[in-house]
Structure formats: C-alpha cells, structure tokens
Amino acid sequence: MFPRSAAAVGRARRFVAGHLDGCAPEQADDIRVCVSELVTNALHHTPAGRRFLVRIIRTDTAVRIEVHDAGTATPHVCTPADTDDRGRGLLLVSAVADDWGVSDRTGPGKVVRAG
C-alpha cells in the first residue's frame, strides 16, 4: 500500500524493481516504465486521503503489475496534441506492455494491470 503522494511513484518503482531478479534488463526497464505510469495515474485519480495498492504477480514466463485504486474514472489511451504536457502514460504502457487493461475490484475503484 502506498499513500497518495508524489514520492509514492519512486517508492512503488523501487518496490517492483526489488522483485525483478532474473528479468532481462530491457524487460525490467519496460516494467519500471509501466509502474511509473500506472502509479502516476493512480495519484491523479485516487481520492485525497486514500491509499493505493501495487501488486506484482510473477510466473516463470511473465510479470504482471496491478495498481488498485479507489478512483472512479476509467483509464483509456489518449491521443494528446504535440503541445500537451500530459496524456501519454497509457500510450507508453500500451507500447511497452504485452497487454494492459482495467477491471473492477472489491470495494470502490478499479484495478489497472499491465503485463
């Protein structure tokens, strides 16, 4: 669990990086990008005073990252203008992850996953 704060992005990235032993360096880099983007989205959409959860699910062949938050907005890939300074997070996730998606969770909010 992480508090809703800007410092949580780096903390979540380090938490996940600590579980990537055995991953190819380029795969680990892609996973860290996904964590950064999904957690940043959670910060923007998690209500004040709430926390969010980051889960790592590893198998012999895959790594899946889940970010659980209490926000009600459904994430989607944007098409930002060249001059926009935001709106590229899920575009990056969709470019580097094999798959990503959103699902309901027990309690308020959603789970955003990438793998």
PDB file of N, CA and C in Angstrom:
ATOM      1  N   MET A   1       0.857  -1.177   0.000  1.00  0.00           N
ATOM      2  CA  MET A   1       0.000   0.000   0.000  1.00  0.00           C
ATOM      3  C   MET A   1       0.902   1.239   0.000  1.00  0.00           C
ATOM      4  N   PHE A   2       0.458   2.219  -0.730  1.00  0.00           N
ATOM      5  CA  PHE A   2       1.211   3.464  -0.822  1.00  0.00           C
ATOM      6  C   PHE A   2       0.276   4.639  -0.577  1.00  0.00           C
ATOM      7  N   PRO A   3       0.778   5.677   0.094  1.00  0.00           N
ATOM      8  CA  PRO A   3      -0.048   6.868   0.296  1.00  0.00           C
ATOM      9  C   PRO A   3      -0.143   7.661  -1.000  1.00  0.00           C
ATOM     10  N   ARG A   4      -1.159   8.456  -1.090  1.00  0.00           N
ATOM     11  CA  ARG A   4      -1.342   9.316  -2.262  1.00  0.00           C
ATOM     12  C   ARG A   4      -0.393  10.512  -2.120  1.00  0.00           C
ATOM     13  N   SER A   5       0.831  10.343  -2.643  1.00  0.00           N
ATOM     14  CA  SER A   5       1.834  11.410  -2.608  1.00  0.00           C
ATOM     15  C   SER A   5       2.778  11.238  -3.786  1.00  0.00           C
ATOM     16  N   ALA A   6       3.391  12.326  -4.203  1.00  0.00           N
ATOM     17  CA  ALA A   6       4.317  12.281  -5.343  1.00  0.00           C
ATOM     18  C   ALA A   6       5.478  11.324  -5.081  1.00  0.00           C
ATOM     19  N   ALA A   7       5.914  11.202  -3.843  1.00  0.00           N
ATOM     20  CA  ALA A   7       7.021  10.301  -3.506  1.00  0.00           C
ATOM     21  C   ALA A   7       6.655   8.834  -3.737  1.00  0.00           C
ATOM     22  N   ALA A   8       5.368   8.536  -3.814  1.00  0.00           N
ATOM     23  CA  ALA A   8       4.933   7.151  -3.987  1.00  0.00           C
ATOM     24  C   ALA A   8       5.358   6.570  -5.331  1.00  0.00           C
ATOM     25  N   VAL A   9       5.527   7.407  -6.345  1.00  0.00           N
ATOM     26  CA  VAL A   9       5.920   6.897  -7.663  1.00  0.00           C
ATOM     27  C   VAL A   9       7.283   6.218  -7.573  1.00  0.00           C
ATOM     28  N   GLY A  10       8.260   6.903  -7.028  1.00  0.00           N
ATOM     29  CA  GLY A  10       9.593   6.322  -6.881  1.00  0.00           C
ATOM     30  C   GLY A  10       9.609   5.139  -5.930  1.00  0.00           C
ATOM     31  N   ARG A  11       8.854   5.237  -4.847  1.00  0.00           N
ATOM     32  CA  ARG A  11       8.798   4.124  -3.888  1.00  0.00           C
ATOM     33  C   ARG A  11       8.189   2.881  -4.523  1.00  0.00           C
ATOM     34  N   ALA A  12       7.127   3.063  -5.299  1.00  0.00           N
ATOM     35  CA  ALA A  12       6.495   1.914  -5.971  1.00  0.00           C
ATOM     36  C   ALA A  12       7.435   1.313  -7.014  1.00  0.00           C
ATOM     37  N   ARG A  13       8.140   2.171  -7.735  1.00  0.00           N
ATOM     38  CA  ARG A  13       9.091   1.689  -8.746  1.00  0.00           C
ATOM     39  C   ARG A  13      10.199   0.881  -8.085  1.00  0.00           C
ATOM     40  N   ARG A  14      10.727   1.351  -6.958  1.00  0.00           N
ATOM     41  CA  ARG A  14      11.776   0.611  -6.241  1.00  0.00           C
ATOM     42  C   ARG A  14      11.231  -0.693  -5.666  1.00  0.00           C
ATOM     43  N   PHE A  15      10.011  -0.664  -5.157  1.00  0.00           N
ATOM     44  CA  PHE A  15       9.375  -1.877  -4.639  1.00  0.00           C
ATOM     45  C   PHE A  15       9.304  -2.944  -5.733  1.00  0.00           C
ATOM     46  N   VAL A  16       8.817  -2.574  -6.898  1.00  0.00           N
ATOM     47  CA  VAL A  16       8.701  -3.531  -8.004  1.00  0.00           C
ATOM     48  C   VAL A  16      10.075  -3.967  -8.489  1.00  0.00           C
ATOM     49  N   ALA A  17      11.003  -3.034  -8.611  1.00  0.00           N
ATOM     50  CA  ALA A  17      12.358  -3.366  -9.083  1.00  0.00           C
ATOM     51  C   ALA A  17      13.013  -4.407  -8.184  1.00  0.00           C
ATOM     52  N   GLY A  18      12.678  -4.388  -6.907  1.00  0.00           N
ATOM     53  CA  GLY A  18      13.226  -5.360  -5.969  1.00  0.00           C
ATOM     54  C   GLY A  18      12.735  -6.785  -6.200  1.00  0.00           C
ATOM     55  N   HIS A  19      11.759  -6.944  -7.090  1.00  0.00           N
ATOM     56  CA  HIS A  19      11.201  -8.266  -7.381  1.00  0.00           C
ATOM     57  C   HIS A  19      11.444  -8.693  -8.824  1.00  0.00           C
ATOM     58  N   LEU A  20      12.393  -8.062  -9.487  1.00  0.00           N
ATOM     59  CA  LEU A  20      12.620  -8.346 -10.904  1.00  0.00           C
ATOM     60  C   LEU A  20      13.881  -9.148 -11.173  1.00  0.00           C
ATOM     61  N   ASP A  21      14.439  -9.787 -10.149  1.00  0.00           N
ATOM     62  CA  ASP A  21      15.616 -10.630 -10.364  1.00  0.00           C
ATOM     63  C   ASP A  21      15.322 -11.656 -11.445  1.00  0.00           C
ATOM     64  N   GLY A  22      16.250 -11.837 -12.346  1.00  0.00           N
ATOM     65  CA  GLY A  22      16.089 -12.812 -13.409  1.00  0.00           C
ATOM     66  C   GLY A  22      15.432 -12.270 -14.665  1.00  0.00           C
ATOM     67  N   CYS A  23      14.891 -11.067 -14.605  1.00  0.00           N
ATOM     68  CA  CYS A  23      14.297 -10.467 -15.809  1.00  0.00           C
ATOM     69  C   CYS A  23      15.414  -9.898 -16.684  1.00  0.00           C
ATOM     70  N   ALA A  24      15.207  -9.941 -17.981  1.00  0.00           N
ATOM     71  CA  ALA A  24      16.142  -9.304 -18.896  1.00  0.00           C
ATOM     72  C   ALA A  24      16.129  -7.802 -18.617  1.00  0.00           C
ATOM     73  N   PRO A  25      17.288  -7.121 -18.746  1.00  0.00           N
ATOM     74  CA  PRO A  25      17.341  -5.685 -18.440  1.00  0.00           C
ATOM     75  C   PRO A  25      16.299  -4.859 -19.185  1.00  0.00           C
ATOM     76  N   GLU A  26      16.084  -5.152 -20.476  1.00  0.00           N
ATOM     77  CA  GLU A  26      15.096  -4.356 -21.228  1.00  0.00           C
ATOM     78  C   GLU A  26      13.672  -4.635 -20.727  1.00  0.00           C
ATOM     79  N   GLN A  27      13.398  -5.879 -20.295  1.00  0.00           N
ATOM     80  CA  GLN A  27      12.077  -6.185 -19.739  1.00  0.00           C
ATOM     81  C   GLN A  27      11.903  -5.444 -18.408  1.00  0.00           C
ATOM     82  N   ALA A  28      12.921  -5.435 -17.585  1.00  0.00           N
ATOM     83  CA  ALA A  28      12.857  -4.730 -16.301  1.00  0.00           C
ATOM     84  C   ALA A  28      12.630  -3.236 -16.525  1.00  0.00           C
ATOM     85  N   ASP A  29      13.291  -2.656 -17.530  1.00  0.00           N
ATOM     86  CA  ASP A  29      13.084  -1.238 -17.845  1.00  0.00           C
ATOM     87  C   ASP A  29      11.633  -0.980 -18.241  1.00  0.00           C
ATOM     88  N   ASP A  30      11.067  -1.839 -19.089  1.00  0.00           N
ATOM     89  CA  ASP A  30       9.680  -1.685 -19.519  1.00  0.00           C
ATOM     90  C   ASP A  30       8.721  -1.805 -18.337  1.00  0.00           C
ATOM     91  N   ILE A  31       9.006  -2.714 -17.430  1.00  0.00           N
ATOM     92  CA  ILE A  31       8.157  -2.889 -16.247  1.00  0.00           C
ATOM     93  C   ILE A  31       8.207  -1.639 -15.381  1.00  0.00           C
ATOM     94  N   ARG A  32       9.399  -1.077 -15.200  1.00  0.00           N
ATOM     95  CA  ARG A  32       9.517   0.148 -14.398  1.00  0.00           C
ATOM     96  C   ARG A  32       8.752   1.310 -15.039  1.00  0.00           C
ATOM     97  N   VAL A  33       8.779   1.410 -16.368  1.00  0.00           N
ATOM     98  CA  VAL A  33       8.003   2.449 -17.061  1.00  0.00           C
ATOM     99  C   VAL A  33       6.517   2.249 -16.777  1.00  0.00           C
ATOM    100  N   CYS A  34       6.039   1.012 -16.892  1.00  0.00           N
ATOM    101  CA  CYS A  34       4.622   0.727 -16.629  1.00  0.00           C
ATOM    102  C   CYS A  34       4.244   1.090 -15.200  1.00  0.00           C
ATOM    103  N   VAL A  35       5.077   0.724 -14.248  1.00  0.00           N
ATOM    104  CA  VAL A  35       4.797   1.055 -12.846  1.00  0.00           C
ATOM    105  C   VAL A  35       4.703   2.571 -12.679  1.00  0.00           C
ATOM    106  N   SER A  36       5.662   3.292 -13.223  1.00  0.00           N
ATOM    107  CA  SER A  36       5.658   4.753 -13.096  1.00  0.00           C
ATOM    108  C   SER A  36       4.374   5.354 -13.647  1.00  0.00           C
ATOM    109  N   GLU A  37       3.976   4.908 -14.817  1.00  0.00           N
ATOM    110  CA  GLU A  37       2.792   5.477 -15.458  1.00  0.00           C
ATOM    111  C   GLU A  37       1.506   5.078 -14.748  1.00  0.00           C
ATOM    112  N   LEU A  38       1.370   3.813 -14.359  1.00  0.00           N
ATOM    113  CA  LEU A  38       0.154   3.378 -13.675  1.00  0.00           C
ATOM    114  C   LEU A  38       0.018   4.031 -12.302  1.00  0.00           C
ATOM    115  N   VAL A  39       1.121   4.166 -11.591  1.00  0.00           N
ATOM    116  CA  VAL A  39       1.073   4.805 -10.274  1.00  0.00           C
ATOM    117  C   VAL A  39       0.782   6.300 -10.415  1.00  0.00           C
ATOM    118  N   THR A  40       1.368   6.935 -11.407  1.00  0.00           N
ATOM    119  CA  THR A  40       1.079   8.355 -11.636  1.00  0.00           C
ATOM    120  C   THR A  40      -0.408   8.550 -11.910  1.00  0.00           C
ATOM    121  N   ASN A  41      -0.998   7.672 -12.725  1.00  0.00           N
ATOM    122  CA  ASN A  41      -2.446   7.755 -12.964  1.00  0.00           C
ATOM    123  C   ASN A  41      -3.221   7.560 -11.665  1.00  0.00           C
ATOM    124  N   ALA A  42      -2.801   6.606 -10.848  1.00  0.00           N
ATOM    125  CA  ALA A  42      -3.485   6.369  -9.573  1.00  0.00           C
ATOM    126  C   ALA A  42      -3.425   7.616  -8.693  1.00  0.00           C
ATOM    127  N   LEU A  43      -2.300   8.307  -8.697  1.00  0.00           N
ATOM    128  CA  LEU A  43      -2.185   9.533  -7.907  1.00  0.00           C
ATOM    129  C   LEU A  43      -3.192  10.576  -8.355  1.00  0.00           C
ATOM    130  N   HIS A  44      -3.387  10.683  -9.645  1.00  0.00           N
ATOM    131  CA  HIS A  44      -4.316  11.684 -10.175  1.00  0.00           C
ATOM    132  C   HIS A  44      -5.774  11.312  -9.915  1.00  0.00           C
ATOM    133  N   HIS A  45      -6.070  10.033  -9.771  1.00  0.00           N
ATOM    134  CA  HIS A  45      -7.460   9.597  -9.688  1.00  0.00           C
ATOM    135  C   HIS A  45      -7.883   9.037  -8.339  1.00  0.00           C
ATOM    136  N   THR A  46      -6.940   8.823  -7.429  1.00  0.00           N
ATOM    137  CA  THR A  46      -7.277   8.342  -6.088  1.00  0.00           C
ATOM    138  C   THR A  46      -7.759   9.526  -5.246  1.00  0.00           C
ATOM    139  N   PRO A  47      -8.904   9.396  -4.606  1.00  0.00           N
ATOM    140  CA  PRO A  47      -9.388  10.498  -3.769  1.00  0.00           C
ATOM    141  C   PRO A  47      -8.389  10.841  -2.654  1.00  0.00           C
ATOM    142  N   ALA A  48      -8.375  12.097  -2.260  1.00  0.00           N
ATOM    143  CA  ALA A  48      -7.489  12.559  -1.182  1.00  0.00           C
ATOM    144  C   ALA A  48      -7.716  11.715   0.071  1.00  0.00           C
ATOM    145  N   GLY A  49      -6.634  11.405   0.749  1.00  0.00           N
ATOM    146  CA  GLY A  49      -6.700  10.631   1.978  1.00  0.00           C
ATOM    147  C   GLY A  49      -6.762   9.124   1.777  1.00  0.00           C
ATOM    148  N   ARG A  50      -6.863   8.674   0.524  1.00  0.00           N
ATOM    149  CA  ARG A  50      -6.915   7.241   0.242  1.00  0.00           C
ATOM    150  C   ARG A  50      -5.536   6.757  -0.166  1.00  0.00           C
ATOM    151  N   ARG A  51      -5.338   5.458  -0.084  1.00  0.00           N
ATOM    152  CA  ARG A  51      -4.084   4.833  -0.488  1.00  0.00           C
ATOM    153  C   ARG A  51      -4.358   3.976  -1.709  1.00  0.00           C
ATOM    154  N   PHE A  52      -3.293   3.530  -2.352  1.00  0.00           N
ATOM    155  CA  PHE A  52      -3.450   2.603  -3.471  1.00  0.00           C
ATOM    156  C   PHE A  52      -2.486   1.444  -3.282  1.00  0.00           C
ATOM    157  N   LEU A  53      -2.807   0.335  -3.931  1.00  0.00           N
ATOM    158  CA  LEU A  53      -2.052  -0.901  -3.775  1.00  0.00           C
ATOM    159  C   LEU A  53      -1.339  -1.238  -5.079  1.00  0.00           C
ATOM    160  N   VAL A  54      -0.093  -1.655  -4.971  1.00  0.00           N
ATOM    161  CA  VAL A  54       0.663  -2.148  -6.126  1.00  0.00           C
ATOM    162  C   VAL A  54       0.954  -3.621  -5.868  1.00  0.00           C
ATOM    163  N   ARG A  55       0.561  -4.469  -6.823  1.00  0.00           N
ATOM    164  CA  ARG A  55       0.807  -5.919  -6.721  1.00  0.00           C
ATOM    165  C   ARG A  55       1.685  -6.366  -7.880  1.00  0.00           C
ATOM    166  N   ILE A  56       2.522  -7.349  -7.608  1.00  0.00           N
ATOM    167  CA  ILE A  56       3.360  -7.978  -8.627  1.00  0.00           C
ATOM    168  C   ILE A  56       2.983  -9.450  -8.655  1.00  0.00           C
ATOM    169  N   ILE A  57       2.684  -9.939  -9.828  1.00  0.00           N
ATOM    170  CA  ILE A  57       2.371 -11.359  -9.989  1.00  0.00           C
ATOM    171  C   ILE A  57       3.383 -11.910 -10.990  1.00  0.00           C
ATOM    172  N   ARG A  58       4.218 -12.839 -10.531  1.00  0.00           N
ATOM    173  CA  ARG A  58       5.256 -13.428 -11.388  1.00  0.00           C
ATOM    174  C   ARG A  58       4.987 -14.888 -11.625  1.00  0.00           C
ATOM    175  N   THR A  59       5.221 -15.283 -12.865  1.00  0.00           N
ATOM    176  CA  THR A  59       5.238 -16.703 -13.209  1.00  0.00           C
ATOM    177  C   THR A  59       6.600 -16.970 -13.832  1.00  0.00           C
ATOM    178  N   ASP A  60       6.819 -18.181 -14.293  1.00  0.00           N
ATOM    179  CA  ASP A  60       8.091 -18.490 -14.946  1.00  0.00           C
ATOM    180  C   ASP A  60       8.274 -17.712 -16.246  1.00  0.00           C
ATOM    181  N   THR A  61       7.178 -17.279 -16.853  1.00  0.00           N
ATOM    182  CA  THR A  61       7.272 -16.653 -18.178  1.00  0.00           C
ATOM    183  C   THR A  61       6.749 -15.224 -18.245  1.00  0.00           C
ATOM    184  N   ALA A  62       6.189 -14.711 -17.169  1.00  0.00           N
ATOM    185  CA  ALA A  62       5.581 -13.380 -17.258  1.00  0.00           C
ATOM    186  C   ALA A  62       5.623 -12.642 -15.926  1.00  0.00           C
ATOM    187  N   VAL A  63       5.504 -11.320 -16.029  1.00  0.00           N
ATOM    188  CA  VAL A  63       5.361 -10.455 -14.863  1.00  0.00           C
ATOM    189  C   VAL A  63       4.132  -9.590 -15.119  1.00  0.00           C
ATOM    190  N   ARG A  64       3.245  -9.541 -14.141  1.00  0.00           N
ATOM    191  CA  ARG A  64       2.048  -8.704 -14.250  1.00  0.00           C
ATOM    192  C   ARG A  64       2.063  -7.722 -13.094  1.00  0.00           C
ATOM    193  N   ILE A  65       1.816  -6.465 -13.401  1.00  0.00           N
ATOM    194  CA  ILE A  65       1.737  -5.407 -12.409  1.00  0.00           C
ATOM    195  C   ILE A  65       0.281  -4.984 -12.297  1.00  0.00           C
ATOM    196  N   GLU A  66      -0.208  -4.847 -11.079  1.00  0.00           N
ATOM    197  CA  GLU A  66      -1.552  -4.349 -10.837  1.00  0.00           C
ATOM    198  C   GLU A  66      -1.479  -3.138  -9.921  1.00  0.00           C
ATOM    199  N   VAL A  67      -2.247  -2.115 -10.251  1.00  0.00           N
ATOM    200  CA  VAL A  67      -2.387  -0.960  -9.378  1.00  0.00           C
ATOM    201  C   VAL A  67      -3.872  -0.840  -9.046  1.00  0.00           C
ATOM    202  N   HIS A  68      -4.188  -0.993  -7.766  1.00  0.00           N
ATOM    203  CA  HIS A  68      -5.559  -0.918  -7.270  1.00  0.00           C
ATOM    204  C   HIS A  68      -5.754   0.472  -6.669  1.00  0.00           C
ATOM    205  N   ASP A  69      -6.778   1.193  -7.134  1.00  0.00           N
ATOM    206  CA  ASP A  69      -7.049   2.499  -6.542  1.00  0.00           C
ATOM    207  C   ASP A  69      -8.540   2.705  -6.377  1.00  0.00           C
ATOM    208  N   ALA A  70      -8.917   3.694  -5.586  1.00  0.00           N
ATOM    209  CA  ALA A  70     -10.322   3.958  -5.271  1.00  0.00           C
ATOM    210  C   ALA A  70     -10.958   4.960  -6.219  1.00  0.00           C
ATOM    211  N   GLY A  71     -10.240   5.371  -7.250  1.00  0.00           N
ATOM    212  CA  GLY A  71     -10.793   6.327  -8.205  1.00  0.00           C
ATOM    213  C   GLY A  71     -11.885   5.710  -9.051  1.00  0.00           C
ATOM    214  N   THR A  72     -12.804   6.534  -9.512  1.00  0.00           N
ATOM    215  CA  THR A  72     -13.927   6.042 -10.307  1.00  0.00           C
ATOM    216  C   THR A  72     -13.726   6.213 -11.809  1.00  0.00           C
ATOM    217  N   ALA A  73     -12.770   7.004 -12.219  1.00  0.00           N
ATOM    218  CA  ALA A  73     -12.540   7.233 -13.649  1.00  0.00           C
ATOM    219  C   ALA A  73     -11.990   5.969 -14.304  1.00  0.00           C
ATOM    220  N   THR A  74     -12.462   5.669 -15.519  1.00  0.00           N
ATOM    221  CA  THR A  74     -11.965   4.523 -16.272  1.00  0.00           C
ATOM    222  C   THR A  74     -10.831   4.992 -17.177  1.00  0.00           C
ATOM    223  N   PRO A  75      -9.620   4.464 -16.982  1.00  0.00           N
ATOM    224  CA  PRO A  75      -8.489   4.894 -17.798  1.00  0.00           C
ATOM    225  C   PRO A  75      -8.651   4.479 -19.257  1.00  0.00           C
ATOM    226  N   HIS A  76      -8.122   5.289 -20.134  1.00  0.00           N
ATOM    227  CA  HIS A  76      -8.122   4.981 -21.567  1.00  0.00           C
ATOM    228  C   HIS A  76      -6.921   5.658 -22.215  1.00  0.00           C
ATOM    229  N   VAL A  77      -6.505   5.112 -23.332  1.00  0.00           N
ATOM    230  CA  VAL A  77      -5.386   5.690 -24.075  1.00  0.00           C
ATOM    231  C   VAL A  77      -5.859   6.990 -24.715  1.00  0.00           C
ATOM    232  N   CYS A  78      -5.101   8.039 -24.515  1.00  0.00           N
ATOM    233  CA  CYS A  78      -5.416   9.355 -25.092  1.00  0.00           C
ATOM    234  C   CYS A  78      -4.605   9.568 -26.370  1.00  0.00           C
ATOM    235  N   THR A  79      -5.012  10.552 -27.107  1.00  0.00           N
ATOM    236  CA  THR A  79      -4.251  10.991 -28.273  1.00  0.00           C
ATOM    237  C   THR A  79      -3.921  12.463 -28.049  1.00  0.00           C
ATOM    238  N   PRO A  80      -2.865  12.725 -27.264  1.00  0.00           N
ATOM    239  CA  PRO A  80      -2.556  14.120 -26.937  1.00  0.00           C
ATOM    240  C   PRO A  80      -1.963  14.868 -28.139  1.00  0.00           C
ATOM    241  N   ALA A  81      -2.184  16.167 -28.139  1.00  0.00           N
ATOM    242  CA  ALA A  81      -1.550  17.022 -29.139  1.00  0.00           C
ATOM    243  C   ALA A  81      -0.058  17.102 -28.830  1.00  0.00           C
ATOM    244  N   ASP A  82       0.726  17.442 -29.822  1.00  0.00           N
ATOM    245  CA  ASP A  82       2.175  17.557 -29.623  1.00  0.00           C
ATOM    246  C   ASP A  82       2.524  18.537 -28.508  1.00  0.00           C
ATOM    247  N   THR A  83       1.675  19.525 -28.278  1.00  0.00           N
ATOM    248  CA  THR A  83       1.969  20.548 -27.277  1.00  0.00           C
ATOM    249  C   THR A  83       1.416  20.214 -25.896  1.00  0.00           C
ATOM    250  N   ASP A  84       0.635  19.130 -25.773  1.00  0.00           N
ATOM    251  CA  ASP A  84       0.100  18.743 -24.465  1.00  0.00           C
ATOM    252  C   ASP A  84       1.220  18.232 -23.573  1.00  0.00           C
ATOM    253  N   ASP A  85       1.149  18.593 -22.286  1.00  0.00           N
ATOM    254  CA  ASP A  85       2.198  18.153 -21.357  1.00  0.00           C
ATOM    255  C   ASP A  85       1.764  16.953 -20.524  1.00  0.00           C
ATOM    256  N   ARG A  86       0.656  16.341 -20.865  1.00  0.00           N
ATOM    257  CA  ARG A  86       0.206  15.126 -20.190  1.00  0.00           C
ATOM    258  C   ARG A  86      -0.656  14.310 -21.136  1.00  0.00           C
ATOM    259  N   GLY A  87      -1.039  13.101 -20.699  1.00  0.00           N
ATOM    260  CA  GLY A  87      -1.914  12.276 -21.517  1.00  0.00           C
ATOM    261  C   GLY A  87      -1.217  11.179 -22.294  1.00  0.00           C
ATOM    262  N   ARG A  88       0.059  10.933 -21.984  1.00  0.00           N
ATOM    263  CA  ARG A  88       0.819   9.918 -22.715  1.00  0.00           C
ATOM    264  C   ARG A  88       1.084   8.646 -21.921  1.00  0.00           C
ATOM    265  N   GLY A  89       0.669   8.600 -20.658  1.00  0.00           N
ATOM    266  CA  GLY A  89       1.003   7.478 -19.788  1.00  0.00           C
ATOM    267  C   GLY A  89       0.534   6.138 -20.315  1.00  0.00           C
ATOM    268  N   LEU A  90      -0.748   6.005 -20.623  1.00  0.00           N
ATOM    269  CA  LEU A  90      -1.248   4.717 -21.108  1.00  0.00           C
ATOM    270  C   LEU A  90      -0.815   4.452 -22.534  1.00  0.00           C
ATOM    271  N   LEU A  91      -0.483   5.490 -23.266  1.00  0.00           N
ATOM    272  CA  LEU A  91       0.103   5.307 -24.594  1.00  0.00           C
ATOM    273  C   LEU A  91       1.457   4.609 -24.456  1.00  0.00           C
ATOM    274  N   LEU A  92       2.250   5.034 -23.475  1.00  0.00           N
ATOM    275  CA  LEU A  92       3.533   4.374 -23.191  1.00  0.00           C
ATOM    276  C   LEU A  92       3.321   2.942 -22.704  1.00  0.00           C
ATOM    277  N   VAL A  93       2.376   2.760 -21.785  1.00  0.00           N
ATOM    278  CA  VAL A  93       2.104   1.416 -21.267  1.00  0.00           C
ATOM    279  C   VAL A  93       1.691   0.488 -22.407  1.00  0.00           C
ATOM    280  N   SER A  94       0.805   0.954 -23.268  1.00  0.00           N
ATOM    281  CA  SER A  94       0.349   0.094 -24.374  1.00  0.00           C
ATOM    282  C   SER A  94       1.476  -0.203 -25.355  1.00  0.00           C
ATOM    283  N   ALA A  95       2.475   0.673 -25.426  1.00  0.00           N
ATOM    284  CA  ALA A  95       3.601   0.457 -26.338  1.00  0.00           C
ATOM    285  C   ALA A  95       4.599  -0.560 -25.788  1.00  0.00           C
ATOM    286  N   VAL A  96       4.800  -0.602 -24.470  1.00  0.00           N
ATOM    287  CA  VAL A  96       5.847  -1.473 -23.918  1.00  0.00           C
ATOM    288  C   VAL A  96       5.319  -2.746 -23.273  1.00  0.00           C
ATOM    289  N   ALA A  97       4.046  -2.773 -22.878  1.00  0.00           N
ATOM    290  CA  ALA A  97       3.484  -3.976 -22.248  1.00  0.00           C
ATOM    291  C   ALA A  97       2.904  -4.891 -23.323  1.00  0.00           C
ATOM    292  N   ASP A  98       2.922  -6.187 -23.044  1.00  0.00           N
ATOM    293  CA  ASP A  98       2.273  -7.130 -23.950  1.00  0.00           C
ATOM    294  C   ASP A  98       0.766  -6.936 -23.933  1.00  0.00           C
ATOM    295  N   ASP A  99       0.235  -6.517 -22.770  1.00  0.00           N
ATOM    296  CA  ASP A  99      -1.202  -6.347 -22.606  1.00  0.00           C
ATOM    297  C   ASP A  99      -1.429  -5.415 -21.428  1.00  0.00           C
ATOM    298  N   TRP A 100      -2.540  -4.721 -21.426  1.00  0.00           N
ATOM    299  CA  TRP A 100      -2.938  -3.935 -20.265  1.00  0.00           C
ATOM    300  C   TRP A 100      -4.463  -3.863 -20.259  1.00  0.00           C
ATOM    301  N   GLY A 101      -5.027  -3.560 -19.111  1.00  0.00           N
ATOM    302  CA  GLY A 101      -6.473  -3.457 -19.033  1.00  0.00           C
ATOM    303  C   GLY A 101      -6.929  -2.964 -17.682  1.00  0.00           C
ATOM    304  N   VAL A 102      -8.247  -2.856 -17.558  1.00  0.00           N
ATOM    305  CA  VAL A 102      -8.885  -2.344 -16.353  1.00  0.00           C
ATOM    306  C   VAL A 102      -9.969  -3.330 -15.941  1.00  0.00           C
ATOM    307  N   SER A 103     -10.098  -3.568 -14.650  1.00  0.00           N
ATOM    308  CA  SER A 103     -11.170  -4.419 -14.153  1.00  0.00           C
ATOM    309  C   SER A 103     -11.685  -3.870 -12.828  1.00  0.00           C
ATOM    310  N   ASP A 104     -12.871  -4.336 -12.446  1.00  0.00           N
ATOM    311  CA  ASP A 104     -13.445  -3.956 -11.159  1.00  0.00           C
ATOM    312  C   ASP A 104     -12.667  -4.643 -10.047  1.00  0.00           C
ATOM    313  N   ARG A 105     -12.851  -4.152  -8.856  1.00  0.00           N
ATOM    314  CA  ARG A 105     -12.257  -4.775  -7.687  1.00  0.00           C
ATOM    315  C   ARG A 105     -13.257  -4.754  -6.554  1.00  0.00           C
ATOM    316  N   THR A 106     -12.999  -5.516  -5.520  1.00  0.00           N
ATOM    317  CA  THR A 106     -13.848  -5.485  -4.341  1.00  0.00           C
ATOM    318  C   THR A 106     -13.659  -4.124  -3.677  1.00  0.00           C
ATOM    319  N   GLY A 107     -14.731  -3.455  -3.383  1.00  0.00           N
ATOM    320  CA  GLY A 107     -14.642  -2.110  -2.822  1.00  0.00           C
ATOM    321  C   GLY A 107     -14.685  -1.073  -3.922  1.00  0.00           C
ATOM    322  N   PRO A 108     -14.510   0.179  -3.562  1.00  0.00           N
ATOM    323  CA  PRO A 108     -14.567   1.238  -4.568  1.00  0.00           C
ATOM    324  C   PRO A 108     -13.349   1.204  -5.492  1.00  0.00           C
ATOM    325  N   GLY A 109     -13.540   1.647  -6.703  1.00  0.00           N
ATOM    326  CA  GLY A 109     -12.409   1.816  -7.606  1.00  0.00           C
ATOM    327  C   GLY A 109     -12.232   0.709  -8.599  1.00  0.00           C
ATOM    328  N   LYS A 110     -10.967   0.515  -8.974  1.00  0.00           N
ATOM    329  CA  LYS A 110     -10.634  -0.391 -10.076  1.00  0.00           C
ATOM    330  C   LYS A 110      -9.234  -0.934  -9.916  1.00  0.00           C
ATOM    331  N   VAL A 111      -8.895  -1.879 -10.806  1.00  0.00           N
ATOM    332  CA  VAL A 111      -7.542  -2.414 -10.927  1.00  0.00           C
ATOM    333  C   VAL A 111      -7.088  -2.117 -12.353  1.00  0.00           C
ATOM    334  N   VAL A 112      -5.929  -1.487 -12.473  1.00  0.00           N
ATOM    335  CA  VAL A 112      -5.320  -1.286 -13.780  1.00  0.00           C
ATOM    336  C   VAL A 112      -4.089  -2.180 -13.819  1.00  0.00           C
ATOM    337  N   ARG A 113      -3.992  -3.008 -14.854  1.00  0.00           N
ATOM    338  CA  ARG A 113      -2.924  -4.004 -14.908  1.00  0.00           C
ATOM    339  C   ARG A 113      -2.155  -3.884 -16.220  1.00  0.00           C
ATOM    340  N   ALA A 114      -0.912  -4.301 -16.138  1.00  0.00           N
ATOM    341  CA  ALA A 114      -0.056  -4.384 -17.333  1.00  0.00           C
ATOM    342  C   ALA A 114       0.827  -5.608 -17.181  1.00  0.00           C
ATOM    343  N   GLY A 115       1.060  -6.274 -18.280  1.00  0.00           N
ATOM    344  CA  GLY A 115       1.886  -7.463 -18.235  1.00  0.00           C
ATOM    345  C   GLY A 115       2.511  -7.769 -19.556  1.00  0.00           C
TER     346      GLY A 115
END
